[in-house]
Amino acid sequence: MEKKKETIRFDCFDAAITCVAFHPSEQCVMASTASKTISMFDLRTEQIVQHYEAHNGAVNSFSLHTDGTHMVSVSANSKIKVFFV
């Protein structure tokens, strides 16, 4: 079996990554962390294009609406938040 190489690496996190997802309509990937944030990365430029100070506790998970306009997240401090993306 042929071993595949990574194509892009994002090494800019200061805490554990808790969730990751592809944006449904943009060429972006999003990641949440235990340091209370969610970031969106452009896969073409390999840069952060959006950063959310999401919660007062670790972000446990998030999900994007199928049209990519909204995101919902849940945190360790028992809060659910909805964001415009």
C-alpha atoms as a PDB file:
ATOM      1  CA  MET A   1       0.000   0.000   0.000  1.00  0.00           C
ATOM      2  CA  GLU A   2       1.343   3.442  -0.956  1.00  0.00           C
ATOM      3  CA  LYS A   3       1.918   5.815   1.930  1.00  0.00           C
ATOM      4  CA  LYS A   4       0.340   9.242   1.368  1.00  0.00           C
ATOM      5  CA  LYS A   5       2.101  12.465   2.367  1.00  0.00           C
ATOM      6  CA  GLU A   6       0.454  15.384   4.124  1.00  0.00           C
ATOM      7  CA  THR A   7      -0.096  18.386   1.906  1.00  0.00           C
ATOM      8  CA  ILE A   8      -0.637  21.137   4.475  1.00  0.00           C
ATOM      9  CA  ARG A   9       0.263  21.389   8.155  1.00  0.00           C
ATOM     10  CA  PHE A  10      -0.985  23.961  10.652  1.00  0.00           C
ATOM     11  CA  ASP A  11       1.317  24.125  13.687  1.00  0.00           C
ATOM     12  CA  CYS A  12      -0.125  27.208  15.362  1.00  0.00           C
ATOM     13  CA  PHE A  13      -2.103  25.748  18.248  1.00  0.00           C
ATOM     14  CA  ASP A  14      -1.313  26.459  21.891  1.00  0.00           C
ATOM     15  CA  ALA A  15      -3.681  23.795  23.274  1.00  0.00           C
ATOM     16  CA  ALA A  16      -5.153  20.431  22.363  1.00  0.00           C
ATOM     17  CA  ILE A  17      -7.313  20.364  19.243  1.00  0.00           C
ATOM     18  CA  THR A  18     -10.792  19.139  20.179  1.00  0.00           C
ATOM     19  CA  CYS A  19     -12.641  19.113  16.844  1.00  0.00           C
ATOM     20  CA  VAL A  20     -11.910  19.714  13.158  1.00  0.00           C
ATOM     21  CA  ALA A  21     -14.170  20.082  10.101  1.00  0.00           C
ATOM     22  CA  PHE A  22     -14.120  21.167   6.480  1.00  0.00           C
ATOM     23  CA  HIS A  23     -16.208  24.233   5.656  1.00  0.00           C
ATOM     24  CA  PRO A  24     -19.043  23.054   3.354  1.00  0.00           C
ATOM     25  CA  SER A  25     -18.783  25.839   0.766  1.00  0.00           C
ATOM     26  CA  GLU A  26     -15.311  27.409   1.125  1.00  0.00           C
ATOM     27  CA  GLN A  27     -11.840  25.942   0.712  1.00  0.00           C
ATOM     28  CA  CYS A  28     -11.288  26.143   4.456  1.00  0.00           C
ATOM     29  CA  VAL A  29     -10.840  23.895   7.431  1.00  0.00           C
ATOM     30  CA  MET A  30     -11.878  24.827  10.972  1.00  0.00           C
ATOM     31  CA  ALA A  31     -10.486  23.643  14.294  1.00  0.00           C
ATOM     32  CA  SER A  32     -11.498  24.148  17.922  1.00  0.00           C
ATOM     33  CA  THR A  33      -9.204  23.926  20.906  1.00  0.00           C
ATOM     34  CA  ALA A  34      -9.076  23.405  24.628  1.00  0.00           C
ATOM     35  CA  SER A  35      -7.972  27.067  24.857  1.00  0.00           C
ATOM     36  CA  LYS A  36     -11.533  28.299  24.198  1.00  0.00           C
ATOM     37  CA  THR A  37     -11.122  29.193  20.502  1.00  0.00           C
ATOM     38  CA  ILE A  38     -12.233  28.176  17.023  1.00  0.00           C
ATOM     39  CA  SER A  39     -10.125  29.115  13.992  1.00  0.00           C
ATOM     40  CA  MET A  40     -10.774  28.965  10.245  1.00  0.00           C
ATOM     41  CA  PHE A  41      -7.834  28.309   7.916  1.00  0.00           C
ATOM     42  CA  ASP A  42      -7.759  28.959   4.178  1.00  0.00           C
ATOM     43  CA  LEU A  43      -6.380  25.862   2.457  1.00  0.00           C
ATOM     44  CA  ARG A  44      -5.083  27.896  -0.513  1.00  0.00           C
ATOM     45  CA  THR A  45      -3.105  30.500   1.459  1.00  0.00           C
ATOM     46  CA  GLU A  46      -2.504  28.347   4.563  1.00  0.00           C
ATOM     47  CA  GLN A  47      -3.427  31.356   6.730  1.00  0.00           C
ATOM     48  CA  ILE A  48      -5.965  31.945   9.505  1.00  0.00           C
ATOM     49  CA  VAL A  49      -8.881  33.836   7.970  1.00  0.00           C
ATOM     50  CA  GLN A  50     -11.228  33.919  10.975  1.00  0.00           C
ATOM     51  CA  HIS A  51     -10.712  33.477  14.688  1.00  0.00           C
ATOM     52  CA  TYR A  52     -13.460  33.114  17.299  1.00  0.00           C
ATOM     53  CA  GLU A  53     -12.945  33.628  21.038  1.00  0.00           C
ATOM     54  CA  ALA A  54     -15.735  31.142  21.483  1.00  0.00           C
ATOM     55  CA  HIS A  55     -16.176  30.211  25.141  1.00  0.00           C
ATOM     56  CA  ASN A  56     -14.954  30.642  28.708  1.00  0.00           C
ATOM     57  CA  GLY A  57     -14.047  26.955  28.819  1.00  0.00           C
ATOM     58  CA  ALA A  58     -12.574  24.479  26.378  1.00  0.00           C
ATOM     59  CA  VAL A  59     -14.517  24.084  23.146  1.00  0.00           C
ATOM     60  CA  ASN A  60     -15.596  20.442  23.132  1.00  0.00           C
ATOM     61  CA  SER A  61     -17.075  20.384  19.644  1.00  0.00           C
ATOM     62  CA  PHE A  62     -18.600  22.488  16.896  1.00  0.00           C
ATOM     63  CA  SER A  63     -20.630  21.908  13.759  1.00  0.00           C
ATOM     64  CA  LEU A  64     -21.204  23.963  10.622  1.00  0.00           C
ATOM     65  CA  HIS A  65     -24.605  24.387   9.001  1.00  0.00           C
ATOM     66  CA  THR A  66     -24.734  22.720   5.586  1.00  0.00           C
ATOM     67  CA  ASP A  67     -24.794  26.108   3.820  1.00  0.00           C
ATOM     68  CA  GLY A  68     -21.736  27.297   5.778  1.00  0.00           C
ATOM     69  CA  THR A  69     -23.342  30.455   7.154  1.00  0.00           C
ATOM     70  CA  HIS A  70     -23.676  29.396  10.804  1.00  0.00           C
ATOM     71  CA  MET A  71     -21.725  27.371  13.323  1.00  0.00           C
ATOM     72  CA  VAL A  72     -22.828  25.943  16.655  1.00  0.00           C
ATOM     73  CA  SER A  73     -20.352  25.097  19.403  1.00  0.00           C
ATOM     74  CA  VAL A  74     -20.468  23.489  22.822  1.00  0.00           C
ATOM     75  CA  SER A  75     -18.006  24.010  25.647  1.00  0.00           C
ATOM     76  CA  ALA A  76     -16.757  22.460  28.854  1.00  0.00           C
ATOM     77  CA  ASN A  77     -18.606  25.198  30.785  1.00  0.00           C
ATOM     78  CA  SER A  78     -21.970  23.771  29.606  1.00  0.00           C
ATOM     79  CA  LYS A  79     -22.717  26.532  27.071  1.00  0.00           C
ATOM     80  CA  ILE A  80     -23.983  26.251  23.509  1.00  0.00           C
ATOM     81  CA  LYS A  81     -23.325  29.183  21.177  1.00  0.00           C
ATOM     82  CA  VAL A  82     -24.346  29.952  17.590  1.00  0.00           C
ATOM     83  CA  PHE A  83     -22.113  32.101  15.390  1.00  0.00           C
ATOM     84  CA  PHE A  84     -22.429  33.673  11.961  1.00  0.00           C
ATOM     85  CA  VAL A  85     -19.520  32.414   9.878  1.00  0.00           C
END
